[in-house]
Protein backbone atom coordinates (compact mmCIF):
# COMPACT_ATOMS: atom_id res chain seq x y z
CA MET A 1 -71.81 -22.31 -81.76
CA THR A 2 -68.12 -22.07 -80.86
CA PRO A 3 -65.05 -23.58 -82.57
CA GLU A 4 -64.42 -27.19 -81.70
CA ASP A 5 -61.23 -26.76 -79.68
CA GLY A 6 -62.70 -24.30 -77.23
CA ARG A 7 -61.50 -20.90 -76.19
CA MET A 8 -58.16 -19.65 -74.88
CA SER A 9 -57.44 -16.72 -72.62
CA LEU A 10 -55.50 -13.71 -73.89
CA THR A 11 -52.41 -14.81 -71.97
CA GLU A 12 -52.60 -18.29 -73.49
CA HIS A 13 -52.98 -16.76 -76.97
CA LEU A 14 -49.88 -14.64 -76.44
CA ARG A 15 -47.89 -17.61 -75.19
CA GLU A 16 -48.99 -19.69 -78.16
CA LEU A 17 -48.12 -16.85 -80.55
CA ARG A 18 -44.66 -16.50 -79.01
CA ARG A 19 -44.07 -20.24 -79.32
CA ARG A 20 -45.09 -20.28 -82.98
CA LEU A 21 -42.92 -17.24 -83.72
CA ILE A 22 -39.90 -18.86 -82.05
CA TYR A 23 -40.35 -22.00 -84.18
CA SER A 24 -40.69 -19.89 -87.33
CA VAL A 25 -37.62 -17.77 -86.60
CA ALA A 26 -35.61 -20.89 -85.75
CA ALA A 27 -36.61 -22.48 -89.07
CA VAL A 28 -35.61 -19.35 -91.02
CA ALA A 29 -32.29 -19.18 -89.11
CA ALA A 30 -31.57 -22.84 -89.93
CA GLY A 31 -32.43 -22.23 -93.58
CA PHE A 32 -30.21 -19.12 -93.60
CA LEU A 33 -27.23 -21.05 -92.24
CA ALA A 34 -27.75 -23.84 -94.76
CA CYS A 35 -27.99 -21.39 -97.67
CA TYR A 36 -25.09 -19.17 -96.63
CA TYR A 37 -22.61 -21.95 -97.42
CA TYR A 38 -23.94 -21.94 -101.02
CA SER A 39 -24.77 -18.23 -101.18
CA GLU A 40 -22.22 -17.43 -103.89
CA ARG A 41 -23.49 -20.27 -106.07
CA LEU A 42 -27.11 -19.28 -105.42
CA TYR A 43 -26.38 -15.70 -106.42
CA TRP A 44 -24.99 -16.76 -109.77
CA VAL A 45 -28.00 -18.98 -110.37
CA LEU A 46 -30.17 -15.92 -109.75
CA ALA A 47 -27.94 -13.84 -112.04
CA SER A 48 -27.78 -16.45 -114.82
CA PRO A 49 -30.47 -14.78 -117.01
CA LEU A 50 -28.54 -11.51 -116.92
CA VAL A 51 -25.13 -13.11 -117.50
CA SER A 52 -26.53 -15.02 -120.49
CA ALA A 53 -27.77 -11.74 -121.99
CA LEU A 54 -24.42 -9.96 -121.63
CA PRO A 55 -22.38 -9.24 -124.77
CA GLU A 56 -20.04 -12.02 -125.86
CA GLY A 57 -16.86 -12.13 -123.81
CA GLN A 58 -18.33 -10.11 -120.92
CA ASP A 59 -19.75 -12.81 -118.65
CA PHE A 60 -18.95 -11.03 -115.39
CA MET A 61 -20.35 -8.44 -112.98
CA VAL A 62 -18.70 -5.90 -110.67
CA PHE A 63 -19.12 -4.59 -107.13
CA THR A 64 -18.81 -0.92 -106.26
CA GLY A 65 -18.17 -1.19 -102.53
CA VAL A 66 -15.75 -3.18 -100.40
CA VAL A 67 -18.50 -4.87 -98.37
CA GLU A 68 -21.04 -5.17 -101.21
CA PRO A 69 -20.44 -8.89 -102.01
CA PHE A 70 -20.56 -9.83 -98.32
CA PHE A 71 -23.93 -8.17 -97.74
CA ILE A 72 -25.36 -9.41 -101.03
CA TYR A 73 -24.48 -12.99 -100.12
CA LEU A 74 -26.11 -12.44 -96.73
CA LYS A 75 -29.29 -11.26 -98.45
CA VAL A 76 -29.21 -14.22 -100.83
CA ALA A 77 -28.83 -16.61 -97.89
CA LEU A 78 -31.70 -14.92 -96.03
CA LEU A 79 -33.95 -15.10 -99.09
CA GLY A 80 -33.08 -18.76 -99.56
CA GLY A 81 -33.62 -19.44 -95.86
CA ILE A 82 -37.09 -17.92 -95.97
CA ILE A 83 -38.00 -20.01 -99.00
CA ILE A 84 -36.73 -23.22 -97.39
CA ALA A 85 -38.44 -22.44 -94.08
CA SER A 86 -41.74 -21.35 -95.66
CA PRO A 87 -43.46 -24.75 -95.12
CA VAL A 88 -42.59 -24.59 -91.42
CA VAL A 89 -43.69 -20.95 -91.14
CA LEU A 90 -46.99 -21.68 -92.91
CA TYR A 91 -47.60 -24.67 -90.67
CA GLN A 92 -46.99 -22.56 -87.56
CA ALA A 93 -49.43 -19.96 -88.83
CA TRP A 94 -51.98 -22.70 -89.48
CA ALA A 95 -51.44 -24.27 -86.06
CA PHE A 96 -52.02 -20.89 -84.42
CA VAL A 97 -55.26 -19.94 -86.19
CA ALA A 98 -56.82 -23.39 -86.76
CA PRO A 99 -58.18 -23.92 -83.23
CA GLY A 100 -60.30 -20.77 -83.57
CA LEU A 101 -61.85 -21.71 -86.91
CA TYR A 102 -64.94 -23.72 -87.82
CA LYS A 103 -64.53 -26.71 -90.14
CA SER A 104 -65.75 -24.79 -93.17
CA GLU A 105 -63.44 -21.89 -92.33
CA ARG A 106 -60.50 -24.29 -92.00
CA ARG A 107 -61.15 -25.67 -95.47
CA TRP A 108 -61.25 -22.20 -97.00
CA PHE A 109 -58.15 -21.12 -95.08
CA LEU A 110 -56.18 -24.12 -96.34
CA PHE A 111 -57.50 -23.60 -99.86
CA THR A 112 -56.54 -19.93 -99.84
CA VAL A 113 -53.05 -20.49 -98.42
CA PHE A 114 -52.30 -23.39 -100.77
CA PHE A 115 -53.30 -21.54 -103.94
CA SER A 116 -51.71 -18.31 -102.73
CA VAL A 117 -48.36 -20.08 -102.39
CA LEU A 118 -48.88 -21.83 -105.73
CA LEU A 119 -49.71 -18.58 -107.53
CA PHE A 120 -46.80 -16.74 -105.90
CA ALA A 121 -44.39 -19.48 -106.99
CA GLY A 122 -45.90 -19.43 -110.48
CA GLY A 123 -45.48 -15.65 -110.72
CA ALA A 124 -41.86 -15.79 -109.55
CA ALA A 125 -41.11 -18.67 -111.95
CA PHE A 126 -42.69 -16.74 -114.83
CA ALA A 127 -40.56 -13.71 -114.01
CA PHE A 128 -37.35 -15.75 -113.80
CA GLY A 129 -38.01 -18.00 -116.79
CA VAL A 130 -39.70 -15.58 -119.22
CA VAL A 131 -39.40 -11.95 -118.17
CA PHE A 132 -35.74 -12.01 -117.13
CA PRO A 133 -34.29 -13.55 -120.33
CA PHE A 134 -36.38 -11.43 -122.73
CA GLY A 135 -36.25 -8.26 -120.65
CA PHE A 136 -32.50 -8.27 -120.01
CA LYS A 137 -31.70 -9.27 -123.58
CA TYR A 138 -33.76 -6.36 -124.86
CA LEU A 139 -32.29 -3.83 -122.41
CA LEU A 140 -28.69 -4.94 -123.07
CA SER A 141 -29.20 -4.79 -126.83
CA TYR A 142 -28.37 -1.07 -126.59
CA SER A 143 -24.71 -1.90 -125.88
CA THR A 144 -22.24 -1.12 -128.67
CA GLU A 145 -18.49 -1.19 -129.19
CA SER A 146 -18.24 2.19 -127.46
CA LEU A 147 -21.04 1.58 -124.95
CA LYS A 148 -20.48 -1.36 -122.63
CA PRO A 149 -22.62 -2.44 -119.65
CA PHE A 150 -20.97 -2.07 -116.25
CA LEU A 151 -23.32 -4.00 -113.97
CA SER A 152 -23.23 -3.99 -110.18
CA MET A 153 -24.19 -7.17 -108.35
CA GLY A 154 -26.05 -5.13 -105.72
CA GLN A 155 -28.16 -3.30 -108.27
CA TYR A 156 -29.02 -6.53 -110.04
CA PHE A 157 -30.05 -8.25 -106.80
CA SER A 158 -32.34 -5.32 -105.97
CA ILE A 159 -33.99 -5.39 -109.40
CA ALA A 160 -34.28 -9.19 -109.48
CA THR A 161 -35.88 -9.52 -106.04
CA ARG A 162 -38.23 -6.62 -106.78
CA LEU A 163 -39.42 -8.33 -109.96
CA LEU A 164 -39.73 -11.78 -108.37
CA ILE A 165 -41.76 -10.48 -105.44
CA GLY A 166 -43.79 -8.16 -107.68
CA PHE A 167 -44.78 -10.93 -110.09
CA GLY A 168 -45.51 -13.27 -107.20
CA LEU A 169 -47.89 -10.72 -105.68
CA VAL A 170 -49.70 -9.70 -108.86
CA PHE A 171 -50.28 -13.36 -109.74
CA GLN A 172 -52.57 -13.46 -106.67
CA LEU A 173 -55.17 -11.61 -108.76
CA PRO A 174 -57.47 -14.58 -109.56
CA LEU A 175 -57.45 -15.68 -105.92
CA ALA A 176 -58.30 -12.16 -104.73
CA MET A 177 -61.17 -12.02 -107.22
CA LEU A 178 -62.44 -15.39 -106.00
CA VAL A 179 -62.37 -14.32 -102.34
CA LEU A 180 -64.22 -11.07 -103.12
CA SER A 181 -66.84 -12.95 -105.12
CA ARG A 182 -67.28 -15.54 -102.36
CA LEU A 183 -67.85 -12.74 -99.86
CA GLY A 184 -70.47 -11.25 -102.16
CA ILE A 185 -68.57 -7.97 -102.57
CA VAL A 186 -68.35 -8.32 -106.35
CA SER A 187 -69.86 -10.64 -108.93
CA ALA A 188 -68.47 -12.17 -112.09
CA ARG A 189 -70.76 -9.91 -114.13
CA GLN A 190 -69.41 -6.80 -112.42
CA LEU A 191 -65.83 -7.92 -112.95
CA ALA A 192 -66.52 -8.48 -116.64
CA LEU A 193 -68.05 -5.01 -116.95
CA TRP A 194 -65.08 -3.42 -115.22
CA TRP A 195 -62.44 -4.80 -117.62
CA ARG A 196 -61.56 -1.30 -118.93
CA TYR A 197 -60.82 -0.04 -115.41
CA ALA A 198 -58.88 -3.24 -114.72
CA LEU A 199 -56.78 -2.64 -117.85
CA VAL A 200 -55.86 0.87 -116.68
CA PHE A 201 -55.01 -0.39 -113.20
CA ILE A 202 -52.90 -3.22 -114.62
CA LEU A 203 -50.94 -0.84 -116.86
CA ILE A 204 -50.27 1.46 -113.91
CA ALA A 205 -49.18 -1.46 -111.70
CA SER A 206 -46.90 -2.75 -114.46
CA ALA A 207 -45.28 0.67 -114.83
CA VAL A 208 -44.67 0.87 -111.07
CA ILE A 209 -43.34 -2.66 -110.54
CA THR A 210 -41.12 -3.04 -113.62
CA PRO A 211 -37.75 -1.36 -113.10
CA THR A 212 -37.64 0.39 -116.49
CA PRO A 213 -40.23 2.68 -118.13
CA ASP A 214 -40.09 1.04 -121.58
CA ILE A 215 -43.33 -0.40 -122.96
CA PHE A 216 -41.71 -3.78 -123.76
CA ASN A 217 -41.07 -4.75 -120.14
CA GLN A 218 -44.41 -3.35 -119.01
CA MET A 219 -46.23 -5.55 -121.54
CA LEU A 220 -44.38 -8.61 -120.20
CA MET A 221 -46.30 -8.04 -116.97
CA ALA A 222 -49.51 -6.47 -118.27
CA GLY A 223 -50.19 -9.27 -120.77
CA PRO A 224 -50.23 -12.13 -118.24
CA LEU A 225 -52.19 -9.98 -115.79
CA MET A 226 -55.00 -9.47 -118.29
CA VAL A 227 -55.07 -13.23 -118.85
CA LEU A 228 -55.22 -13.76 -115.07
CA TYR A 229 -58.04 -11.23 -114.83
CA GLY A 230 -59.99 -13.25 -117.38
CA ILE A 231 -59.31 -16.43 -115.40
CA GLY A 232 -60.46 -14.63 -112.25
CA ILE A 233 -63.78 -13.76 -113.93
CA ILE A 234 -64.33 -17.43 -114.86
CA VAL A 235 -63.43 -18.59 -111.34
CA ALA A 236 -65.73 -15.99 -109.79
CA TRP A 237 -68.55 -17.13 -112.08
CA LEU A 238 -68.04 -20.80 -111.19
CA PHE A 239 -67.41 -20.53 -107.44
CA GLY A 240 -68.61 -17.07 -106.44
CA LYS A 241 -71.54 -16.44 -104.13
CA LYS A 242 -74.80 -17.04 -105.94
CA LYS A 243 -77.70 -14.65 -105.57
CA GLU A 244 -80.57 -16.10 -103.62
CA PRO A 245 -83.87 -16.20 -105.54
CA ALA A 246 -86.29 -13.48 -104.60
CA ALA A 247 -88.90 -14.54 -102.05
CA THR A 248 -92.38 -15.12 -103.41
CA PRO A 249 -94.82 -12.48 -102.09
CA ALA A 250 -97.42 -13.74 -99.65
CA GLY A 251 -100.63 -14.72 -101.42
CA ALA A 252 -99.00 -14.91 -104.83
CA GLU A 253 -99.46 -18.68 -105.06
CA ALA A 254 -103.13 -18.37 -104.30
CA GLU A 255 -103.58 -16.04 -107.24
């Protein structure tokens, strides 16, 4: 059995890939241009959790290089452009791979992409709405009359994007567990038995992704990850590949 839309030659595949890439790049470029006009405003929206945590009377940041604001605003516009263009990019990816998939494979592809985007957005929103305010408030609590924070906009953008992307990726954990269980690589029982190893891995990942080595910020990531691991076990148990019953030996019924 072959996919419904037939086969394409290698040359046709390459042409189709080039066409989809051109559409995707054009969408990102259009989003970049639209966001660049508001890049300064977008940056301060991104920086709002940090500015709110600054000591009273110090609601500003600094730049340490002549071209630093210019390049930071370019990066903000590019990030915004990618976010705006993501529906177009995802559609182009779908349009490229869909003709080579069976109906059941198409359903699982759409399911995986949809929930992957949803989980990534949820992870980034959790980082921005929960981790940023608590984390920055805690870290800036060390400031005193003789010790004032001197914060660079470039350094903050680097930390913020690292955390947003990091939380978006680690929130894919339940989906990854579901895919592995559907493929029969792991089972819900195995995942439940491996919770100690998962805890160690989660603590290591939290220490690597969070920008500071303090236990407070690491727990802000490790706590939700353990909850997501538990959700992944439940999802794997409900929707994972079921073991087929053992075949009855020949002649057993006669006995």
